[in-house]
């Protein structure tokens, strides 16, 4: 009959082997993730460069906003009720137009609405930063995240899973007339 200590050592060895196997798998996944993120960043850079090359002559000197290209939100006429930059985000009510939001918040809504329209699922703040042509740096992403969280708290966006954002039920993007 085996001893209790022998059985414990046997179980410990099996557990250690499992942990080692999982660590190897985690290392492999982390390496794969790093490679995928690097490829993603290369595509972001490529898109920025193409935008720069295709931009009208004066737009290349106008800064990063011009490089990213005009968005539909920017082409809309600004109503006299439109919010000014740095304004508060109102709690969304039925029938409330997104024009009450500042342009930054409208851009966020537009990006999320585009993603919903294309059936691509929720959007992360890191992906939003890339869509806006921002440097995907932690400080920039966190600043964007605070705006997105404010839109969630006020009922404009929803966060079905942590870190992933979509339109709130009943909300529509800037182009949908809400």
N, C-alpha and C. Protein backbone atom coordinates (compact mmCIF):
# COMPACT_ATOMS: atom_id res chain seq x y z
N UNK A 1 0.84 -1.18 0.00
CA UNK A 1 0.00 0.00 0.00
C UNK A 1 0.89 1.25 0.00
N UNK A 2 0.61 2.20 -0.92
CA UNK A 2 1.45 3.39 -0.99
C UNK A 2 1.25 4.28 0.23
N UNK A 3 2.29 5.03 0.54
CA UNK A 3 2.20 5.92 1.70
C UNK A 3 1.47 7.21 1.32
N UNK A 4 0.98 7.89 2.33
CA UNK A 4 0.27 9.14 2.12
C UNK A 4 1.22 10.17 1.52
N UNK A 5 2.44 10.23 2.01
CA UNK A 5 3.42 11.17 1.49
C UNK A 5 3.71 10.86 0.02
N UNK A 6 3.80 9.63 -0.33
CA UNK A 6 4.04 9.23 -1.72
C UNK A 6 2.89 9.66 -2.62
N UNK A 7 1.65 9.48 -2.15
CA UNK A 7 0.49 9.91 -2.92
C UNK A 7 0.48 11.43 -3.10
N UNK A 8 0.83 12.14 -2.03
CA UNK A 8 0.87 13.60 -2.11
C UNK A 8 1.95 14.06 -3.09
N UNK A 9 3.12 13.41 -3.05
CA UNK A 9 4.18 13.77 -3.98
C UNK A 9 3.75 13.50 -5.42
N UNK A 10 3.05 12.40 -5.63
CA UNK A 10 2.57 12.04 -6.97
C UNK A 10 1.59 13.12 -7.48
N UNK A 11 0.65 13.53 -6.62
CA UNK A 11 -0.32 14.56 -7.00
C UNK A 11 0.37 15.90 -7.22
N UNK A 12 1.35 16.23 -6.38
CA UNK A 12 2.10 17.48 -6.53
C UNK A 12 2.82 17.52 -7.86
N UNK A 13 3.45 16.39 -8.22
CA UNK A 13 4.16 16.29 -9.48
C UNK A 13 3.21 16.48 -10.67
N UNK A 14 2.03 15.85 -10.60
CA UNK A 14 1.04 16.00 -11.67
C UNK A 14 0.58 17.46 -11.78
N UNK A 15 0.35 18.10 -10.64
CA UNK A 15 -0.08 19.50 -10.65
C UNK A 15 1.01 20.40 -11.21
N UNK A 16 2.28 20.14 -10.83
CA UNK A 16 3.38 20.94 -11.34
C UNK A 16 3.52 20.79 -12.85
N UNK A 17 3.34 19.57 -13.36
CA UNK A 17 3.41 19.34 -14.81
C UNK A 17 2.31 20.11 -15.53
N UNK A 18 1.11 20.10 -14.93
CA UNK A 18 0.00 20.83 -15.53
C UNK A 18 0.30 22.33 -15.56
N UNK A 19 0.82 22.87 -14.46
CA UNK A 19 1.17 24.29 -14.39
C UNK A 19 2.24 24.61 -15.43
N UNK A 20 3.25 23.76 -15.55
CA UNK A 20 4.30 24.00 -16.54
C UNK A 20 3.73 23.99 -17.96
N UNK A 21 2.83 23.06 -18.23
CA UNK A 21 2.20 23.00 -19.56
C UNK A 21 1.38 24.24 -19.85
N UNK A 22 0.63 24.69 -18.85
CA UNK A 22 -0.18 25.89 -19.03
C UNK A 22 0.71 27.13 -19.20
N UNK A 23 1.83 27.18 -18.48
CA UNK A 23 2.75 28.31 -18.64
C UNK A 23 3.32 28.35 -20.05
N UNK A 24 3.68 27.17 -20.57
CA UNK A 24 4.20 27.12 -21.94
C UNK A 24 3.14 27.59 -22.93
N UNK A 25 1.90 27.16 -22.72
CA UNK A 25 0.82 27.57 -23.60
C UNK A 25 0.58 29.08 -23.49
N UNK A 26 0.62 29.61 -22.26
CA UNK A 26 0.44 31.05 -22.05
C UNK A 26 1.56 31.83 -22.73
N UNK A 27 2.79 31.35 -22.62
CA UNK A 27 3.91 32.02 -23.29
C UNK A 27 3.70 32.02 -24.80
N UNK A 28 3.22 30.90 -25.33
CA UNK A 28 2.96 30.82 -26.77
C UNK A 28 1.87 31.80 -27.17
N UNK A 29 0.81 31.89 -26.38
CA UNK A 29 -0.29 32.80 -26.68
C UNK A 29 0.18 34.25 -26.58
N UNK A 30 0.99 34.56 -25.56
CA UNK A 30 1.52 35.92 -25.41
C UNK A 30 2.39 36.30 -26.60
N UNK A 31 3.20 35.37 -27.07
CA UNK A 31 4.05 35.64 -28.23
C UNK A 31 3.19 35.85 -29.48
N UNK A 32 2.15 35.05 -29.63
CA UNK A 32 1.25 35.19 -30.76
C UNK A 32 0.51 36.53 -30.70
N UNK A 33 0.09 36.90 -29.49
CA UNK A 33 -0.59 38.19 -29.29
C UNK A 33 0.34 39.35 -29.64
N UNK A 34 1.58 39.28 -29.20
CA UNK A 34 2.54 40.34 -29.49
C UNK A 34 2.75 40.46 -31.01
N UNK A 35 2.85 39.34 -31.70
CA UNK A 35 3.03 39.37 -33.15
C UNK A 35 1.79 39.97 -33.83
N UNK A 36 0.60 39.60 -33.36
CA UNK A 36 -0.63 40.13 -33.94
C UNK A 36 -0.76 41.62 -33.68
N UNK A 37 -0.41 42.08 -32.48
CA UNK A 37 -0.45 43.51 -32.18
C UNK A 37 0.54 44.28 -33.04
N UNK A 38 1.71 43.71 -33.26
CA UNK A 38 2.72 44.36 -34.10
C UNK A 38 2.20 44.49 -35.53
N UNK A 39 1.58 43.42 -36.04
CA UNK A 39 1.03 43.47 -37.39
C UNK A 39 -0.08 44.52 -37.48
N UNK A 40 -0.92 44.56 -36.45
CA UNK A 40 -2.01 45.54 -36.40
C UNK A 40 -1.44 46.96 -36.46
N UNK A 41 -0.41 47.23 -35.66
CA UNK A 41 0.20 48.56 -35.65
C UNK A 41 0.80 48.90 -37.01
N UNK A 42 1.36 47.92 -37.69
CA UNK A 42 1.91 48.16 -39.02
C UNK A 42 0.80 48.57 -39.99
N UNK A 43 -0.37 47.94 -39.89
CA UNK A 43 -1.50 48.30 -40.74
C UNK A 43 -2.01 49.70 -40.41
N UNK A 44 -2.01 50.06 -39.13
CA UNK A 44 -2.42 51.41 -38.72
C UNK A 44 -1.47 52.43 -39.34
N UNK A 45 -0.19 52.16 -39.25
CA UNK A 45 0.81 53.07 -39.82
C UNK A 45 0.64 53.16 -41.34
N UNK A 46 0.41 52.02 -41.98
CA UNK A 46 0.23 52.02 -43.44
C UNK A 46 -0.98 52.85 -43.83
N UNK A 47 -2.09 52.69 -43.09
CA UNK A 47 -3.29 53.46 -43.39
C UNK A 47 -3.03 54.96 -43.21
N UNK A 48 -2.32 55.32 -42.15
CA UNK A 48 -1.99 56.74 -41.93
C UNK A 48 -1.16 57.29 -43.07
N UNK A 49 -0.20 56.51 -43.52
CA UNK A 49 0.66 56.99 -44.61
C UNK A 49 -0.13 57.15 -45.90
N UNK A 50 -1.00 56.21 -46.19
CA UNK A 50 -1.83 56.33 -47.39
C UNK A 50 -2.74 57.54 -47.26
N UNK A 51 -3.33 57.76 -46.07
CA UNK A 51 -4.16 58.95 -45.86
C UNK A 51 -3.36 60.22 -46.11
N UNK A 52 -2.10 60.24 -45.65
CA UNK A 52 -1.25 61.41 -45.84
C UNK A 52 -0.98 61.64 -47.32
N UNK A 53 -0.69 60.57 -48.04
CA UNK A 53 -0.38 60.69 -49.47
C UNK A 53 -1.61 61.13 -50.26
N UNK A 54 -2.78 60.62 -49.89
CA UNK A 54 -4.00 60.93 -50.62
C UNK A 54 -4.67 62.23 -50.18
N UNK A 55 -4.18 62.83 -49.10
CA UNK A 55 -4.78 64.05 -48.59
C UNK A 55 -4.55 65.20 -49.57
N UNK A 56 -5.49 66.16 -49.60
CA UNK A 56 -5.26 67.34 -50.44
C UNK A 56 -3.97 68.03 -50.01
N UNK A 57 -3.39 68.83 -50.91
CA UNK A 57 -2.07 69.43 -50.69
C UNK A 57 -1.92 70.11 -49.34
N UNK A 58 -2.84 70.96 -48.94
CA UNK A 58 -2.72 71.71 -47.70
C UNK A 58 -3.03 70.88 -46.47
N UNK A 59 -3.67 69.74 -46.61
CA UNK A 59 -4.10 68.97 -45.45
C UNK A 59 -2.94 68.31 -44.73
N UNK A 60 -1.85 68.03 -45.41
CA UNK A 60 -0.72 67.37 -44.76
C UNK A 60 -0.10 68.27 -43.71
N UNK A 61 -0.19 69.60 -43.90
CA UNK A 61 0.38 70.53 -42.93
C UNK A 61 -0.60 70.89 -41.83
N UNK A 62 -1.86 70.48 -41.96
CA UNK A 62 -2.88 70.90 -41.01
C UNK A 62 -2.89 70.08 -39.74
N UNK A 63 -2.08 69.02 -39.65
CA UNK A 63 -2.01 68.25 -38.42
C UNK A 63 -2.69 66.91 -38.53
N UNK A 64 -2.72 66.17 -37.41
CA UNK A 64 -3.24 64.82 -37.42
C UNK A 64 -4.72 64.75 -37.76
N UNK A 65 -5.50 65.74 -37.45
CA UNK A 65 -6.94 65.71 -37.75
C UNK A 65 -7.15 65.66 -39.25
N UNK A 66 -6.36 66.43 -39.98
CA UNK A 66 -6.50 66.45 -41.43
C UNK A 66 -6.00 65.15 -42.03
N UNK A 67 -4.99 64.55 -41.44
CA UNK A 67 -4.46 63.30 -41.96
C UNK A 67 -5.49 62.20 -41.84
N UNK A 68 -6.24 62.19 -40.75
CA UNK A 68 -7.23 61.14 -40.53
C UNK A 68 -8.37 61.25 -41.53
N UNK A 69 -8.53 62.40 -42.15
CA UNK A 69 -9.57 62.58 -43.14
C UNK A 69 -10.85 63.07 -42.48
N UNK A 70 -11.66 63.79 -43.22
CA UNK A 70 -12.89 64.31 -42.64
C UNK A 70 -13.87 63.17 -42.39
N UNK A 71 -14.57 63.26 -41.33
CA UNK A 71 -15.59 62.28 -40.98
C UNK A 71 -16.95 62.90 -41.30
N UNK A 72 -17.95 62.05 -41.43
CA UNK A 72 -19.30 62.53 -41.67
C UNK A 72 -19.74 63.50 -40.59
N UNK A 73 -19.34 63.23 -39.35
CA UNK A 73 -19.72 64.09 -38.24
C UNK A 73 -19.23 65.50 -38.47
N UNK A 74 -18.00 65.64 -39.03
CA UNK A 74 -17.41 66.95 -39.24
C UNK A 74 -18.12 67.71 -40.36
N UNK A 75 -18.71 67.00 -41.30
CA UNK A 75 -19.35 67.65 -42.44
C UNK A 75 -20.77 68.10 -42.13
N UNK A 76 -21.34 67.63 -41.01
CA UNK A 76 -22.70 68.01 -40.68
C UNK A 76 -22.73 69.46 -40.24
N UNK A 77 -23.77 70.18 -40.63
CA UNK A 77 -23.88 71.55 -40.15
C UNK A 77 -24.11 71.53 -38.64
N UNK A 78 -23.48 72.46 -37.96
CA UNK A 78 -23.61 72.52 -36.52
C UNK A 78 -24.84 73.36 -36.19
N UNK A 79 -25.77 72.75 -35.47
CA UNK A 79 -26.97 73.48 -35.10
C UNK A 79 -26.65 74.43 -33.97
N UNK A 80 -27.54 75.39 -33.75
CA UNK A 80 -27.28 76.34 -32.68
C UNK A 80 -27.42 75.68 -31.31
N UNK A 81 -28.07 74.50 -31.26
CA UNK A 81 -28.21 73.76 -30.01
C UNK A 81 -27.04 72.80 -29.78
N UNK A 82 -26.13 72.72 -30.74
CA UNK A 82 -25.02 71.78 -30.61
C UNK A 82 -24.15 72.15 -29.42
N UNK A 83 -23.63 71.14 -28.78
CA UNK A 83 -22.79 71.37 -27.60
C UNK A 83 -21.46 71.95 -28.02
N UNK A 84 -20.90 72.71 -27.14
CA UNK A 84 -19.58 73.28 -27.37
C UNK A 84 -18.54 72.31 -26.83
N UNK A 85 -17.29 72.41 -27.30
CA UNK A 85 -16.25 71.54 -26.76
C UNK A 85 -16.16 71.67 -25.25
N UNK A 86 -15.78 70.60 -24.59
CA UNK A 86 -15.62 70.53 -23.13
C UNK A 86 -16.95 70.64 -22.39
N UNK A 87 -18.06 70.46 -23.09
CA UNK A 87 -19.35 70.56 -22.42
C UNK A 87 -19.68 69.25 -21.72
N UNK A 88 -20.69 69.31 -20.87
CA UNK A 88 -21.12 68.13 -20.15
C UNK A 88 -21.85 67.18 -21.09
N UNK A 89 -21.84 65.91 -20.75
CA UNK A 89 -22.57 64.92 -21.53
C UNK A 89 -23.93 64.74 -20.86
N UNK A 90 -25.01 65.11 -21.56
CA UNK A 90 -26.33 64.95 -20.94
C UNK A 90 -26.76 63.49 -20.90
N UNK A 91 -27.63 63.17 -19.97
CA UNK A 91 -28.21 61.84 -19.91
C UNK A 91 -29.12 61.70 -21.12
N UNK A 92 -28.96 60.59 -21.84
CA UNK A 92 -29.72 60.39 -23.07
C UNK A 92 -31.18 60.08 -22.74
N UNK A 93 -32.07 60.73 -23.48
CA UNK A 93 -33.50 60.46 -23.39
C UNK A 93 -33.97 60.06 -24.77
N UNK A 94 -35.12 59.41 -24.84
CA UNK A 94 -35.68 58.98 -26.11
C UNK A 94 -35.84 60.19 -27.03
N UNK A 95 -35.40 60.05 -28.25
CA UNK A 95 -35.54 61.10 -29.25
C UNK A 95 -34.48 62.19 -29.18
N UNK A 96 -33.55 62.08 -28.25
CA UNK A 96 -32.51 63.11 -28.11
C UNK A 96 -31.48 62.93 -29.24
N UNK A 97 -31.18 64.01 -29.93
CA UNK A 97 -30.22 63.97 -31.03
C UNK A 97 -28.80 63.98 -30.49
N UNK A 98 -27.92 63.31 -31.20
CA UNK A 98 -26.51 63.26 -30.78
C UNK A 98 -25.83 64.62 -30.97
N UNK A 99 -26.49 65.55 -31.64
CA UNK A 99 -25.90 66.88 -31.86
C UNK A 99 -25.77 67.66 -30.56
N UNK A 100 -26.40 67.17 -29.47
CA UNK A 100 -26.23 67.85 -28.18
C UNK A 100 -24.86 67.56 -27.59
N UNK A 101 -24.16 66.59 -28.17
CA UNK A 101 -22.83 66.21 -27.70
C UNK A 101 -21.77 67.03 -28.44
N UNK A 102 -20.61 67.19 -27.81
CA UNK A 102 -19.50 67.85 -28.50
C UNK A 102 -19.01 66.95 -29.62
N UNK A 103 -18.22 67.52 -30.53
CA UNK A 103 -17.76 66.76 -31.69
C UNK A 103 -16.94 65.53 -31.30
N UNK A 104 -16.15 65.63 -30.23
CA UNK A 104 -15.37 64.48 -29.78
C UNK A 104 -16.28 63.31 -29.43
N UNK A 105 -17.34 63.60 -28.70
CA UNK A 105 -18.27 62.54 -28.31
C UNK A 105 -19.05 62.04 -29.52
N UNK A 106 -19.38 62.93 -30.44
CA UNK A 106 -20.06 62.51 -31.67
C UNK A 106 -19.17 61.57 -32.48
N UNK A 107 -17.87 61.85 -32.50
CA UNK A 107 -16.93 60.97 -33.22
C UNK A 107 -16.92 59.59 -32.61
N UNK A 108 -16.95 59.52 -31.28
CA UNK A 108 -16.98 58.22 -30.61
C UNK A 108 -18.26 57.47 -30.98
N UNK A 109 -19.40 58.17 -30.90
CA UNK A 109 -20.66 57.54 -31.28
C UNK A 109 -20.63 57.06 -32.73
N UNK A 110 -20.06 57.87 -33.62
CA UNK A 110 -19.99 57.51 -35.03
C UNK A 110 -19.15 56.25 -35.24
N UNK A 111 -18.02 56.18 -34.55
CA UNK A 111 -17.15 55.00 -34.69
C UNK A 111 -17.87 53.74 -34.23
N UNK A 112 -18.56 53.85 -33.11
CA UNK A 112 -19.29 52.68 -32.58
C UNK A 112 -20.46 52.33 -33.51
N UNK A 113 -21.17 53.35 -34.00
CA UNK A 113 -22.30 53.11 -34.91
C UNK A 113 -21.82 52.46 -36.21
N UNK A 114 -20.68 52.90 -36.72
CA UNK A 114 -20.12 52.28 -37.93
C UNK A 114 -19.82 50.81 -37.68
N UNK A 115 -19.27 50.52 -36.54
CA UNK A 115 -18.92 49.14 -36.19
C UNK A 115 -20.19 48.29 -36.10
N UNK A 116 -21.25 48.84 -35.48
CA UNK A 116 -22.52 48.12 -35.37
C UNK A 116 -23.12 47.91 -36.77
N UNK A 117 -23.09 48.97 -37.59
CA UNK A 117 -23.65 48.89 -38.93
C UNK A 117 -22.96 47.81 -39.77
N UNK A 118 -21.65 47.65 -39.57
CA UNK A 118 -20.89 46.64 -40.31
C UNK A 118 -20.98 45.26 -39.68
N UNK A 119 -21.65 45.16 -38.54
CA UNK A 119 -21.81 43.86 -37.88
C UNK A 119 -20.52 43.32 -37.31
N UNK A 120 -19.62 44.20 -36.87
CA UNK A 120 -18.31 43.76 -36.38
C UNK A 120 -18.25 43.62 -34.87
N UNK A 121 -19.33 43.85 -34.18
CA UNK A 121 -19.34 43.68 -32.73
C UNK A 121 -18.81 44.88 -31.98
N UNK A 122 -18.72 44.75 -30.67
CA UNK A 122 -18.28 45.87 -29.82
C UNK A 122 -16.85 46.32 -30.16
N UNK A 123 -16.56 47.55 -29.77
CA UNK A 123 -15.29 48.21 -30.08
C UNK A 123 -14.53 48.48 -28.79
N UNK A 124 -13.22 48.26 -28.79
CA UNK A 124 -12.40 48.59 -27.62
C UNK A 124 -11.86 50.00 -27.77
N UNK A 125 -11.41 50.57 -26.68
CA UNK A 125 -10.85 51.92 -26.73
C UNK A 125 -9.56 51.96 -27.54
N UNK A 126 -8.80 50.89 -27.50
CA UNK A 126 -7.56 50.83 -28.28
C UNK A 126 -7.89 50.85 -29.78
N UNK A 127 -8.92 50.12 -30.17
CA UNK A 127 -9.34 50.12 -31.57
C UNK A 127 -9.87 51.49 -31.97
N UNK A 128 -10.62 52.13 -31.07
CA UNK A 128 -11.12 53.48 -31.35
C UNK A 128 -9.98 54.46 -31.57
N UNK A 129 -8.96 54.38 -30.72
CA UNK A 129 -7.81 55.28 -30.86
C UNK A 129 -7.18 55.10 -32.23
N UNK A 130 -7.05 53.86 -32.68
CA UNK A 130 -6.48 53.60 -34.00
C UNK A 130 -7.38 54.15 -35.11
N UNK A 131 -8.70 54.00 -34.96
CA UNK A 131 -9.65 54.51 -35.95
C UNK A 131 -9.52 56.03 -36.05
N UNK A 132 -9.31 56.70 -34.92
CA UNK A 132 -9.20 58.16 -34.91
C UNK A 132 -7.82 58.64 -35.34
N UNK A 133 -6.89 57.71 -35.61
CA UNK A 133 -5.56 58.11 -36.03
C UNK A 133 -4.69 58.58 -34.88
N UNK A 134 -5.08 58.24 -33.65
CA UNK A 134 -4.30 58.63 -32.48
C UNK A 134 -3.16 57.65 -32.28
N UNK A 135 -2.12 58.08 -31.59
CA UNK A 135 -1.09 57.16 -31.18
C UNK A 135 -1.70 56.25 -30.13
N UNK A 136 -1.53 54.95 -30.28
CA UNK A 136 -2.12 54.00 -29.35
C UNK A 136 -1.18 53.84 -28.16
N UNK A 137 -1.14 54.89 -27.35
CA UNK A 137 -0.33 54.92 -26.14
C UNK A 137 -1.26 54.82 -24.95
N UNK A 138 -0.80 54.22 -23.85
CA UNK A 138 -1.69 54.05 -22.69
C UNK A 138 -2.35 55.35 -22.23
N UNK A 139 -1.64 56.45 -22.20
CA UNK A 139 -2.22 57.72 -21.73
C UNK A 139 -3.35 58.18 -22.66
N UNK A 140 -3.14 58.06 -23.96
CA UNK A 140 -4.15 58.48 -24.94
C UNK A 140 -5.38 57.57 -24.85
N UNK A 141 -5.12 56.26 -24.75
CA UNK A 141 -6.22 55.30 -24.69
C UNK A 141 -7.04 55.52 -23.41
N UNK A 142 -6.38 55.80 -22.31
CA UNK A 142 -7.10 56.03 -21.05
C UNK A 142 -7.91 57.32 -21.10
N UNK A 143 -7.40 58.34 -21.75
CA UNK A 143 -8.17 59.58 -21.91
C UNK A 143 -9.43 59.31 -22.74
N UNK A 144 -9.27 58.53 -23.78
CA UNK A 144 -10.42 58.15 -24.60
C UNK A 144 -11.38 57.29 -23.80
N UNK A 145 -10.84 56.36 -23.00
CA UNK A 145 -11.67 55.49 -22.18
C UNK A 145 -12.55 56.29 -21.22
N UNK A 146 -12.01 57.37 -20.66
CA UNK A 146 -12.82 58.18 -19.74
C UNK A 146 -14.01 58.80 -20.46
N UNK A 147 -13.82 59.23 -21.70
CA UNK A 147 -14.93 59.77 -22.48
C UNK A 147 -15.96 58.70 -22.79
N UNK A 148 -15.47 57.53 -23.16
CA UNK A 148 -16.37 56.43 -23.51
C UNK A 148 -17.16 56.00 -22.28
N UNK A 149 -16.49 55.90 -21.14
CA UNK A 149 -17.18 55.52 -19.90
C UNK A 149 -18.23 56.56 -19.52
N UNK A 150 -17.95 57.83 -19.79
CA UNK A 150 -18.93 58.88 -19.52
C UNK A 150 -20.16 58.68 -20.39
N UNK A 151 -19.96 58.30 -21.67
CA UNK A 151 -21.08 58.03 -22.57
C UNK A 151 -21.88 56.81 -22.09
N UNK A 152 -21.19 55.83 -21.53
CA UNK A 152 -21.88 54.66 -20.98
C UNK A 152 -22.73 55.08 -19.78
N UNK A 153 -22.14 55.86 -18.88
CA UNK A 153 -22.84 56.29 -17.68
C UNK A 153 -24.07 57.14 -18.00
N UNK A 154 -24.04 57.87 -19.13
CA UNK A 154 -25.15 58.74 -19.49
C UNK A 154 -26.14 58.06 -20.43
N UNK A 155 -25.92 56.78 -20.76
CA UNK A 155 -26.89 56.04 -21.55
C UNK A 155 -26.74 56.10 -23.05
N UNK A 156 -25.65 56.67 -23.55
CA UNK A 156 -25.43 56.73 -24.99
C UNK A 156 -24.81 55.45 -25.52
N UNK A 157 -23.92 54.84 -24.74
CA UNK A 157 -23.25 53.60 -25.12
C UNK A 157 -23.52 52.54 -24.06
N UNK A 158 -23.23 51.30 -24.43
CA UNK A 158 -23.33 50.17 -23.50
C UNK A 158 -22.00 49.45 -23.49
N UNK A 159 -21.72 48.77 -22.39
CA UNK A 159 -20.50 47.99 -22.24
C UNK A 159 -20.91 46.55 -21.92
N UNK A 160 -21.24 45.76 -22.99
CA UNK A 160 -21.73 44.40 -22.76
C UNK A 160 -20.71 43.50 -22.06
N UNK A 161 -19.45 43.69 -22.37
CA UNK A 161 -18.37 42.99 -21.66
C UNK A 161 -17.32 44.04 -21.31
N UNK A 162 -16.60 43.83 -20.23
CA UNK A 162 -15.63 44.85 -19.80
C UNK A 162 -14.65 45.22 -20.92
N UNK A 163 -14.57 46.54 -21.18
CA UNK A 163 -13.62 47.04 -22.17
C UNK A 163 -14.11 47.03 -23.60
N UNK A 164 -15.34 46.57 -23.84
CA UNK A 164 -15.90 46.52 -25.19
C UNK A 164 -17.19 47.33 -25.21
N UNK A 165 -17.30 48.24 -26.18
CA UNK A 165 -18.40 49.20 -26.17
C UNK A 165 -19.23 49.11 -27.45
N UNK A 166 -20.52 49.31 -27.28
CA UNK A 166 -21.45 49.32 -28.40
C UNK A 166 -22.53 50.35 -28.10
N UNK A 167 -23.43 50.58 -29.07
CA UNK A 167 -24.51 51.52 -28.83
C UNK A 167 -25.44 50.98 -27.76
N UNK A 168 -25.96 51.87 -26.94
CA UNK A 168 -26.93 51.48 -25.91
C UNK A 168 -28.24 51.09 -26.60
N UNK A 169 -29.02 50.22 -25.99
CA UNK A 169 -30.31 49.86 -26.57
C UNK A 169 -31.16 51.11 -26.82
N UNK A 170 -31.67 51.25 -28.03
CA UNK A 170 -32.48 52.40 -28.38
C UNK A 170 -31.68 53.60 -28.87
N UNK A 171 -30.37 53.56 -28.70
CA UNK A 171 -29.53 54.67 -29.18
C UNK A 171 -29.19 54.43 -30.64
N UNK A 172 -28.95 55.50 -31.34
CA UNK A 172 -28.54 55.40 -32.75
C UNK A 172 -27.36 56.32 -32.95
N UNK A 173 -26.61 56.04 -33.98
CA UNK A 173 -25.45 56.86 -34.27
C UNK A 173 -25.84 58.21 -34.83
N UNK A 174 -24.88 59.12 -34.99
CA UNK A 174 -25.14 60.46 -35.50
C UNK A 174 -25.84 60.48 -36.84
N UNK A 175 -25.55 59.52 -37.71
CA UNK A 175 -26.17 59.52 -39.04
C UNK A 175 -27.58 58.96 -39.03
N UNK A 176 -27.98 58.35 -37.91
CA UNK A 176 -29.30 57.72 -37.84
C UNK A 176 -30.38 58.65 -37.33
N UNK A 177 -30.03 59.88 -37.08
CA UNK A 177 -31.03 60.88 -36.72
C UNK A 177 -31.40 60.89 -35.26
N UNK A 178 -30.68 60.21 -34.40
CA UNK A 178 -31.04 60.28 -32.99
C UNK A 178 -30.20 61.27 -32.27
